[in-house]
């Protein structure tokens, strides 16, 4: 399937991630984000259960109906990396705001809000905001399949020649 456009996912930080290294009582986490057969990952933050990445990952949006999957792992040197939870996020509300074609709004204008529900992994309300001539969506995702942990991310649409979101 052809690309619908490019999505920049800024992986900001992890919050209270699970301990996987019992000796150091910590973890060496990194994040993998995948969508429609693509995957990108952050660097590893050593010995930290509340890591700050502030790394931007870019993926091609292949199908807006297919959710993005975020997985957290603990990097191990001699064995396989340990899973530390996962979350899915949907970009449909973000894309709907882009389709509005809004221009020249004051910075900080909240265009839409997405509430946590049993259908999403949101830990808190997620606002879609117009800032510096672009649309952004900040999310705090509650990790599944793990005893604790959240990951904060931010979405940004990237325009490229010949395509407008």
C-alpha atoms as a PDB file:
ATOM      1  CA  UNK A   1       0.000   0.000   0.000  1.00  0.00           C
ATOM      2  CA  UNK A   2       1.256   3.493  -0.790  1.00  0.00           C
ATOM      3  CA  UNK A   3       2.042   6.019   1.892  1.00  0.00           C
ATOM      4  CA  UNK A   4      -0.609   8.489   3.027  1.00  0.00           C
ATOM      5  CA  UNK A   5       2.112  10.721   4.460  1.00  0.00           C
ATOM      6  CA  UNK A   6       4.761  10.919   7.151  1.00  0.00           C
ATOM      7  CA  UNK A   7       4.183  10.956  10.885  1.00  0.00           C
ATOM      8  CA  UNK A   8       6.841  12.110  13.327  1.00  0.00           C
ATOM      9  CA  UNK A   9       6.498  10.427  16.692  1.00  0.00           C
ATOM     10  CA  UNK A  10       8.526  12.083  19.414  1.00  0.00           C
ATOM     11  CA  UNK A  11       9.135   9.550  22.170  1.00  0.00           C
ATOM     12  CA  UNK A  12       9.465  11.908  25.129  1.00  0.00           C
ATOM     13  CA  UNK A  13       9.844   9.801  28.257  1.00  0.00           C
ATOM     14  CA  UNK A  14       8.939   6.691  30.201  1.00  0.00           C
ATOM     15  CA  UNK A  15       7.141   6.952  33.536  1.00  0.00           C
ATOM     16  CA  UNK A  16       7.536   4.328  36.278  1.00  0.00           C
ATOM     17  CA  UNK A  17       8.582   1.539  33.897  1.00  0.00           C
ATOM     18  CA  UNK A  18       8.869  -2.015  35.203  1.00  0.00           C
ATOM     19  CA  UNK A  19      12.078  -3.286  36.791  1.00  0.00           C
ATOM     20  CA  UNK A  20      13.605  -6.076  34.698  1.00  0.00           C
ATOM     21  CA  UNK A  21      17.200  -6.168  36.013  1.00  0.00           C
ATOM     22  CA  UNK A  22      16.844  -7.686  39.459  1.00  0.00           C
ATOM     23  CA  UNK A  23      20.522  -7.186  40.341  1.00  0.00           C
ATOM     24  CA  UNK A  24      20.508  -3.414  39.746  1.00  0.00           C
ATOM     25  CA  UNK A  25      16.761  -3.023  40.558  1.00  0.00           C
ATOM     26  CA  UNK A  26      16.407  -1.053  37.338  1.00  0.00           C
ATOM     27  CA  UNK A  27      16.036  -1.542  33.583  1.00  0.00           C
ATOM     28  CA  UNK A  28      17.794  -0.497  30.370  1.00  0.00           C
ATOM     29  CA  UNK A  29      14.718   0.511  28.341  1.00  0.00           C
ATOM     30  CA  UNK A  30      14.229   1.360  24.695  1.00  0.00           C
ATOM     31  CA  UNK A  31      11.073   1.834  22.610  1.00  0.00           C
ATOM     32  CA  UNK A  32      10.090   0.281  19.285  1.00  0.00           C
ATOM     33  CA  UNK A  33       7.223   1.860  17.305  1.00  0.00           C
ATOM     34  CA  UNK A  34       5.748  -0.111  14.413  1.00  0.00           C
ATOM     35  CA  UNK A  35       3.042   0.381  11.817  1.00  0.00           C
ATOM     36  CA  UNK A  36       2.072  -1.643   8.744  1.00  0.00           C
ATOM     37  CA  UNK A  37       5.323  -3.589   8.447  1.00  0.00           C
ATOM     38  CA  UNK A  38       7.679  -0.756   9.456  1.00  0.00           C
ATOM     39  CA  UNK A  39       9.533  -0.412  12.750  1.00  0.00           C
ATOM     40  CA  UNK A  40      11.821   2.219  14.273  1.00  0.00           C
ATOM     41  CA  UNK A  41      13.423   2.358  17.704  1.00  0.00           C
ATOM     42  CA  UNK A  42      14.928   4.734  20.221  1.00  0.00           C
ATOM     43  CA  UNK A  43      18.311   4.473  21.854  1.00  0.00           C
ATOM     44  CA  UNK A  44      18.754   2.549  25.108  1.00  0.00           C
ATOM     45  CA  UNK A  45      18.753   4.495  28.398  1.00  0.00           C
ATOM     46  CA  UNK A  46      20.822   2.543  30.903  1.00  0.00           C
ATOM     47  CA  UNK A  47      19.692   1.822  34.462  1.00  0.00           C
ATOM     48  CA  UNK A  48      16.603   4.017  34.461  1.00  0.00           C
ATOM     49  CA  UNK A  49      12.912   3.199  35.009  1.00  0.00           C
ATOM     50  CA  UNK A  50      11.860   6.788  34.220  1.00  0.00           C
ATOM     51  CA  UNK A  51      13.993   7.437  31.127  1.00  0.00           C
ATOM     52  CA  UNK A  52      13.967  10.594  29.025  1.00  0.00           C
ATOM     53  CA  UNK A  53      14.493   9.928  25.325  1.00  0.00           C
ATOM     54  CA  UNK A  54      13.218  13.060  23.551  1.00  0.00           C
ATOM     55  CA  UNK A  55      13.861  11.244  20.271  1.00  0.00           C
ATOM     56  CA  UNK A  56      11.899  11.768  17.072  1.00  0.00           C
ATOM     57  CA  UNK A  57      11.026   8.708  15.009  1.00  0.00           C
ATOM     58  CA  UNK A  58       9.439   9.008  11.566  1.00  0.00           C
ATOM     59  CA  UNK A  59       7.137   6.446  10.004  1.00  0.00           C
ATOM     60  CA  UNK A  60       5.143   6.443   6.811  1.00  0.00           C
ATOM     61  CA  UNK A  61       1.405   6.303   7.458  1.00  0.00           C
ATOM     62  CA  UNK A  62       0.360   3.367   5.268  1.00  0.00           C
ATOM     63  CA  UNK A  63      -3.196   2.806   6.461  1.00  0.00           C
ATOM     64  CA  UNK A  64      -5.027   5.110   8.902  1.00  0.00           C
ATOM     65  CA  UNK A  65      -7.195   2.161   9.993  1.00  0.00           C
ATOM     66  CA  UNK A  66      -4.178   0.196  11.256  1.00  0.00           C
ATOM     67  CA  UNK A  67      -3.092   1.309  14.739  1.00  0.00           C
ATOM     68  CA  UNK A  68       0.501   2.117  15.609  1.00  0.00           C
ATOM     69  CA  UNK A  69       2.073  -0.228  18.160  1.00  0.00           C
ATOM     70  CA  UNK A  70       4.559   0.951  20.772  1.00  0.00           C
ATOM     71  CA  UNK A  71       6.619  -1.666  22.627  1.00  0.00           C
ATOM     72  CA  UNK A  72       9.118  -1.138  25.432  1.00  0.00           C
ATOM     73  CA  UNK A  73      12.023  -3.531  25.974  1.00  0.00           C
ATOM     74  CA  UNK A  74      14.831  -3.952  28.483  1.00  0.00           C
ATOM     75  CA  UNK A  75      18.166  -4.335  26.663  1.00  0.00           C
ATOM     76  CA  UNK A  76      20.115  -7.405  27.759  1.00  0.00           C
ATOM     77  CA  UNK A  77      23.693  -8.161  26.743  1.00  0.00           C
ATOM     78  CA  UNK A  78      23.810 -11.947  26.956  1.00  0.00           C
ATOM     79  CA  UNK A  79      20.157 -12.958  26.640  1.00  0.00           C
ATOM     80  CA  UNK A  80      17.147 -11.840  24.649  1.00  0.00           C
ATOM     81  CA  UNK A  81      15.719  -8.411  25.454  1.00  0.00           C
ATOM     82  CA  UNK A  82      12.905  -8.502  28.012  1.00  0.00           C
ATOM     83  CA  UNK A  83       9.465  -7.097  27.122  1.00  0.00           C
ATOM     84  CA  UNK A  84       8.346  -4.220  29.351  1.00  0.00           C
ATOM     85  CA  UNK A  85       4.849  -3.635  27.983  1.00  0.00           C
ATOM     86  CA  UNK A  86       3.100  -2.404  24.884  1.00  0.00           C
ATOM     87  CA  UNK A  87       0.417   0.046  23.790  1.00  0.00           C
ATOM     88  CA  UNK A  88      -1.524   0.848  20.637  1.00  0.00           C
ATOM     89  CA  UNK A  89      -2.486   4.292  19.479  1.00  0.00           C
ATOM     90  CA  UNK A  90      -4.858   5.427  16.782  1.00  0.00           C
ATOM     91  CA  UNK A  91      -4.104   8.486  14.632  1.00  0.00           C
ATOM     92  CA  UNK A  92      -7.631   8.946  13.225  1.00  0.00           C
ATOM     93  CA  UNK A  93      -8.606  11.883  15.511  1.00  0.00           C
ATOM     94  CA  UNK A  94      -5.298  13.586  14.667  1.00  0.00           C
ATOM     95  CA  UNK A  95      -5.866  13.077  10.923  1.00  0.00           C
ATOM     96  CA  UNK A  96      -9.425  14.434  11.206  1.00  0.00           C
ATOM     97  CA  UNK A  97      -8.034  17.645  12.706  1.00  0.00           C
ATOM     98  CA  UNK A  98      -5.479  17.910   9.892  1.00  0.00           C
ATOM     99  CA  UNK A  99      -8.281  17.575   7.314  1.00  0.00           C
ATOM    100  CA  UNK A 100      -9.972  20.673   8.758  1.00  0.00           C
ATOM    101  CA  UNK A 101      -7.379  22.751   6.909  1.00  0.00           C
ATOM    102  CA  UNK A 102      -6.987  25.178   9.789  1.00  0.00           C
ATOM    103  CA  UNK A 103      -4.585  28.077   9.339  1.00  0.00           C
ATOM    104  CA  UNK A 104      -3.418  31.087  11.339  1.00  0.00           C
ATOM    105  CA  UNK A 105      -4.772  29.938  14.683  1.00  0.00           C
ATOM    106  CA  UNK A 106      -3.188  31.365  17.828  1.00  0.00           C
ATOM    107  CA  UNK A 107      -0.467  29.149  19.278  1.00  0.00           C
ATOM    108  CA  UNK A 108      -1.813  26.766  21.895  1.00  0.00           C
ATOM    109  CA  UNK A 109      -5.312  26.489  20.394  1.00  0.00           C
ATOM    110  CA  UNK A 110      -6.870  23.151  21.401  1.00  0.00           C
ATOM    111  CA  UNK A 111      -8.522  21.775  18.294  1.00  0.00           C
ATOM    112  CA  UNK A 112      -9.811  18.499  19.774  1.00  0.00           C
ATOM    113  CA  UNK A 113      -9.584  16.284  22.853  1.00  0.00           C
ATOM    114  CA  UNK A 114      -9.456  12.505  22.997  1.00  0.00           C
ATOM    115  CA  UNK A 115     -10.609  10.873  26.216  1.00  0.00           C
ATOM    116  CA  UNK A 116      -9.210   7.643  27.669  1.00  0.00           C
ATOM    117  CA  UNK A 117     -11.494   4.650  27.078  1.00  0.00           C
ATOM    118  CA  UNK A 118     -11.441   0.868  26.947  1.00  0.00           C
ATOM    119  CA  UNK A 119     -10.773   1.255  23.184  1.00  0.00           C
ATOM    120  CA  UNK A 120      -7.444   3.077  23.617  1.00  0.00           C
ATOM    121  CA  UNK A 121      -4.329   2.977  25.802  1.00  0.00           C
ATOM    122  CA  UNK A 122      -4.547   6.609  26.902  1.00  0.00           C
ATOM    123  CA  UNK A 123      -3.714   7.200  30.561  1.00  0.00           C
ATOM    124  CA  UNK A 124      -5.143  10.732  30.457  1.00  0.00           C
ATOM    125  CA  UNK A 125      -6.951  13.127  28.127  1.00  0.00           C
ATOM    126  CA  UNK A 126      -4.983  13.775  24.941  1.00  0.00           C
ATOM    127  CA  UNK A 127      -5.227  17.227  23.344  1.00  0.00           C
ATOM    128  CA  UNK A 128      -4.669  17.999  19.673  1.00  0.00           C
ATOM    129  CA  UNK A 129      -3.136  21.467  19.603  1.00  0.00           C
ATOM    130  CA  UNK A 130      -2.192  24.015  16.946  1.00  0.00           C
ATOM    131  CA  UNK A 131       1.249  25.456  17.638  1.00  0.00           C
ATOM    132  CA  UNK A 132       3.813  27.250  15.455  1.00  0.00           C
ATOM    133  CA  UNK A 133       1.798  26.639  12.299  1.00  0.00           C
ATOM    134  CA  UNK A 134       1.459  22.893  12.857  1.00  0.00           C
ATOM    135  CA  UNK A 135      -0.836  20.364  14.493  1.00  0.00           C
ATOM    136  CA  UNK A 136       0.504  18.321  17.432  1.00  0.00           C
ATOM    137  CA  UNK A 137      -0.983  15.645  19.658  1.00  0.00           C
ATOM    138  CA  UNK A 138       0.543  14.719  23.004  1.00  0.00           C
ATOM    139  CA  UNK A 139      -0.351  11.327  24.495  1.00  0.00           C
ATOM    140  CA  UNK A 140       0.495   9.464  27.655  1.00  0.00           C
ATOM    141  CA  UNK A 141       0.067   5.778  26.879  1.00  0.00           C
ATOM    142  CA  UNK A 142      -0.546   3.247  29.640  1.00  0.00           C
ATOM    143  CA  UNK A 143       1.444   0.106  28.889  1.00  0.00           C
ATOM    144  CA  UNK A 144      -0.379  -3.230  28.705  1.00  0.00           C
ATOM    145  CA  UNK A 145       0.891  -6.719  29.545  1.00  0.00           C
ATOM    146  CA  UNK A 146       3.127  -5.404  32.337  1.00  0.00           C
ATOM    147  CA  UNK A 147       2.763  -4.534  36.019  1.00  0.00           C
ATOM    148  CA  UNK A 148       3.334  -0.774  35.568  1.00  0.00           C
ATOM    149  CA  UNK A 149       4.534   1.932  33.220  1.00  0.00           C
ATOM    150  CA  UNK A 150       3.532   4.705  30.856  1.00  0.00           C
ATOM    151  CA  UNK A 151       5.198   6.346  27.860  1.00  0.00           C
ATOM    152  CA  UNK A 152       4.697   9.953  26.785  1.00  0.00           C
ATOM    153  CA  UNK A 153       4.751  10.645  23.045  1.00  0.00           C
ATOM    154  CA  UNK A 154       3.893  13.531  20.720  1.00  0.00           C
ATOM    155  CA  UNK A 155       2.599  13.276  17.138  1.00  0.00           C
ATOM    156  CA  UNK A 156       3.403  15.722  14.353  1.00  0.00           C
ATOM    157  CA  UNK A 157       2.426  15.503  10.682  1.00  0.00           C
ATOM    158  CA  UNK A 158       5.245  16.103   8.203  1.00  0.00           C
ATOM    159  CA  UNK A 159       4.299  17.692   4.919  1.00  0.00           C
ATOM    160  CA  UNK A 160       6.245  16.715   1.866  1.00  0.00           C
ATOM    161  CA  UNK A 161       6.090  18.011  -1.722  1.00  0.00           C
ATOM    162  CA  UNK A 162       2.939  16.999  -3.514  1.00  0.00           C
ATOM    163  CA  UNK A 163       1.071  15.926  -0.405  1.00  0.00           C
ATOM    164  CA  UNK A 164      -0.816  17.770   2.292  1.00  0.00           C
ATOM    165  CA  UNK A 165      -2.320  15.900   5.235  1.00  0.00           C
END
